[in-house]
């Protein structure tokens, strides 16, 4: 896959601002394992090989199990996720597929039961960030193998 553009070189001010925001959101205080699950699930939905490669590797380095990574696409049927993780995964699915799924009250109620308002905003910002990275990666054919399988 040949990159279509060097996004950092083509628009350095925008890229640097985006990157700084993404890093800030990544350090928002939510559990790293939860954030990696969210990144992986959004990347699965979006079909983003670059970010799947990156975030499954990051999840492994953070101690995530192979079982939980592999079952993520079927998290609703898998017993290995907490109620908090389930609420976040439902939220990421609905916001990632916003046009088709919207953000129904039942999904928000589950989120609201397990995340305070600050965490809800943090999680939603994290979902926005990973969806943005997916769109940049897919749109510009970006792939960073050095962050993945080694």
Protein backbone atom coordinates (compact mmCIF):
# COMPACT_ATOMS: atom_id res chain seq x y z
CA UNK A 1 0.00 0.00 0.00
CA UNK A 2 1.50 3.30 -1.08
CA UNK A 3 0.68 6.36 1.03
CA UNK A 4 -1.22 9.02 -0.87
CA UNK A 5 0.23 11.89 1.14
CA UNK A 6 2.56 12.66 4.00
CA UNK A 7 -0.13 14.25 6.14
CA UNK A 8 2.30 15.76 8.63
CA UNK A 9 4.29 17.44 5.84
CA UNK A 10 1.27 18.48 3.76
CA UNK A 11 -0.47 20.34 6.59
CA UNK A 12 1.99 20.56 9.49
CA UNK A 13 0.09 23.07 11.63
CA UNK A 14 -3.16 21.12 11.44
CA UNK A 15 -1.41 17.80 11.89
CA UNK A 16 0.58 19.00 14.90
CA UNK A 17 -2.58 20.38 16.52
CA UNK A 18 -4.46 17.15 15.81
CA UNK A 19 -1.60 15.04 17.14
CA UNK A 20 -1.32 17.12 20.33
CA UNK A 21 -5.08 16.83 20.89
CA UNK A 22 -4.97 13.08 20.31
CA UNK A 23 -2.13 12.71 22.81
CA UNK A 24 -4.00 14.83 25.36
CA UNK A 25 -7.12 12.70 25.00
CA UNK A 26 -4.99 9.57 25.37
CA UNK A 27 -3.86 10.84 28.76
CA UNK A 28 -7.34 11.88 29.92
CA UNK A 29 -7.41 9.54 32.91
CA UNK A 30 -9.57 6.70 31.59
CA UNK A 31 -8.12 3.23 31.95
CA UNK A 32 -5.55 2.47 29.25
CA UNK A 33 -7.02 -0.99 28.70
CA UNK A 34 -10.47 0.50 28.13
CA UNK A 35 -9.10 3.07 25.68
CA UNK A 36 -7.31 0.35 23.69
CA UNK A 37 -10.49 -1.74 23.50
CA UNK A 38 -12.36 1.32 22.22
CA UNK A 39 -9.66 2.04 19.63
CA UNK A 40 -9.64 -1.55 18.43
CA UNK A 41 -13.44 -1.78 18.19
CA UNK A 42 -13.78 1.47 16.23
CA UNK A 43 -10.95 0.38 13.93
CA UNK A 44 -12.67 -2.98 13.34
CA UNK A 45 -15.89 -1.22 12.38
CA UNK A 46 -14.03 1.20 10.11
CA UNK A 47 -11.89 -1.52 8.53
CA UNK A 48 -8.67 0.31 9.40
CA UNK A 49 -5.77 -2.15 9.20
CA UNK A 50 -3.22 0.46 10.24
CA UNK A 51 -4.92 1.25 13.53
CA UNK A 52 -5.92 -2.37 14.20
CA UNK A 53 -2.28 -3.35 13.84
CA UNK A 54 -1.19 -0.49 16.06
CA UNK A 55 -3.76 -0.79 18.83
CA UNK A 56 -3.81 -4.56 19.14
CA UNK A 57 -0.04 -4.37 19.63
CA UNK A 58 -0.45 -1.53 22.15
CA UNK A 59 -3.12 -3.53 23.97
CA UNK A 60 -0.85 -6.56 24.21
CA UNK A 61 1.99 -4.42 25.56
CA UNK A 62 -0.43 -3.03 28.14
CA UNK A 63 -1.26 -6.58 29.28
CA UNK A 64 -4.47 -7.25 27.35
CA UNK A 65 -5.09 -10.94 26.66
CA UNK A 66 -5.30 -12.52 23.23
CA UNK A 67 -8.73 -13.88 24.12
CA UNK A 68 -10.19 -10.45 24.84
CA UNK A 69 -8.61 -8.96 21.72
CA UNK A 70 -9.94 -11.77 19.51
CA UNK A 71 -13.43 -11.71 21.02
CA UNK A 72 -13.84 -7.97 20.72
CA UNK A 73 -15.75 -8.20 17.43
CA UNK A 74 -18.34 -10.33 19.29
CA UNK A 75 -18.14 -8.61 22.69
CA UNK A 76 -21.90 -8.82 23.28
CA UNK A 77 -21.73 -12.63 23.36
CA UNK A 78 -18.38 -12.91 25.17
CA UNK A 79 -18.42 -13.12 28.98
CA UNK A 80 -14.94 -11.66 29.47
CA UNK A 81 -15.83 -7.94 29.44
CA UNK A 82 -16.96 -5.90 32.43
CA UNK A 83 -20.21 -3.95 32.50
CA UNK A 84 -18.17 -0.75 32.24
CA UNK A 85 -16.36 -2.05 29.15
CA UNK A 86 -19.68 -3.19 27.64
CA UNK A 87 -21.18 0.27 28.10
CA UNK A 88 -18.13 1.83 26.42
CA UNK A 89 -18.18 -0.68 23.56
CA UNK A 90 -21.86 -0.05 22.87
CA UNK A 91 -21.19 3.70 22.92
CA UNK A 92 -18.26 3.39 20.51
CA UNK A 93 -20.29 1.26 18.12
CA UNK A 94 -23.20 3.68 18.07
CA UNK A 95 -21.07 6.80 17.67
CA UNK A 96 -18.84 5.19 15.05
CA UNK A 97 -21.89 4.15 13.03
CA UNK A 98 -23.76 7.32 13.91
CA UNK A 99 -25.76 7.71 10.69
CA UNK A 100 -27.26 4.23 11.01
CA UNK A 101 -27.36 3.65 14.76
CA UNK A 102 -27.62 7.08 16.41
CA UNK A 103 -27.16 7.29 20.23
CA UNK A 104 -30.33 5.78 21.70
CA UNK A 105 -31.45 6.41 25.26
CA UNK A 106 -30.85 2.80 26.36
CA UNK A 107 -27.23 2.93 25.22
CA UNK A 108 -26.70 6.27 26.92
CA UNK A 109 -28.39 5.02 30.12
CA UNK A 110 -25.91 2.13 30.30
CA UNK A 111 -23.06 4.58 29.77
CA UNK A 112 -24.46 6.99 32.36
CA UNK A 113 -24.72 4.19 34.93
CA UNK A 114 -21.00 3.38 34.69
CA UNK A 115 -19.27 6.63 33.70
CA UNK A 116 -19.54 10.03 35.36
CA UNK A 117 -20.13 13.05 33.12
CA UNK A 118 -16.43 13.89 32.83
CA UNK A 119 -15.61 10.31 31.85
CA UNK A 120 -18.45 10.35 29.31
CA UNK A 121 -16.92 13.38 27.62
CA UNK A 122 -13.43 11.85 27.81
CA UNK A 123 -14.67 8.61 26.27
CA UNK A 124 -16.56 10.45 23.54
CA UNK A 125 -13.46 12.51 22.73
CA UNK A 126 -11.43 9.28 22.54
CA UNK A 127 -14.02 7.86 20.11
CA UNK A 128 -13.78 11.01 18.01
CA UNK A 129 -9.99 10.76 17.95
CA UNK A 130 -9.82 7.12 16.87
CA UNK A 131 -12.46 7.66 14.21
CA UNK A 132 -10.40 10.62 12.96
CA UNK A 133 -7.21 8.54 12.84
CA UNK A 134 -9.12 5.77 11.02
CA UNK A 135 -10.28 8.24 8.40
CA UNK A 136 -6.79 9.66 7.94
CA UNK A 137 -5.25 6.19 7.72
CA UNK A 138 -7.81 4.76 5.31
CA UNK A 139 -8.12 7.93 3.24
CA UNK A 140 -4.39 8.36 2.75
CA UNK A 141 -3.33 4.66 2.72
CA UNK A 142 -1.23 5.04 5.85
CA UNK A 143 0.32 2.01 7.49
CA UNK A 144 2.90 1.90 10.27
CA UNK A 145 4.17 -1.70 10.58
CA UNK A 146 6.81 -0.73 13.14
CA UNK A 147 4.06 -0.34 15.79
CA UNK A 148 2.54 -3.74 15.15
CA UNK A 149 3.69 -7.33 14.75
CA UNK A 150 7.39 -7.61 15.37
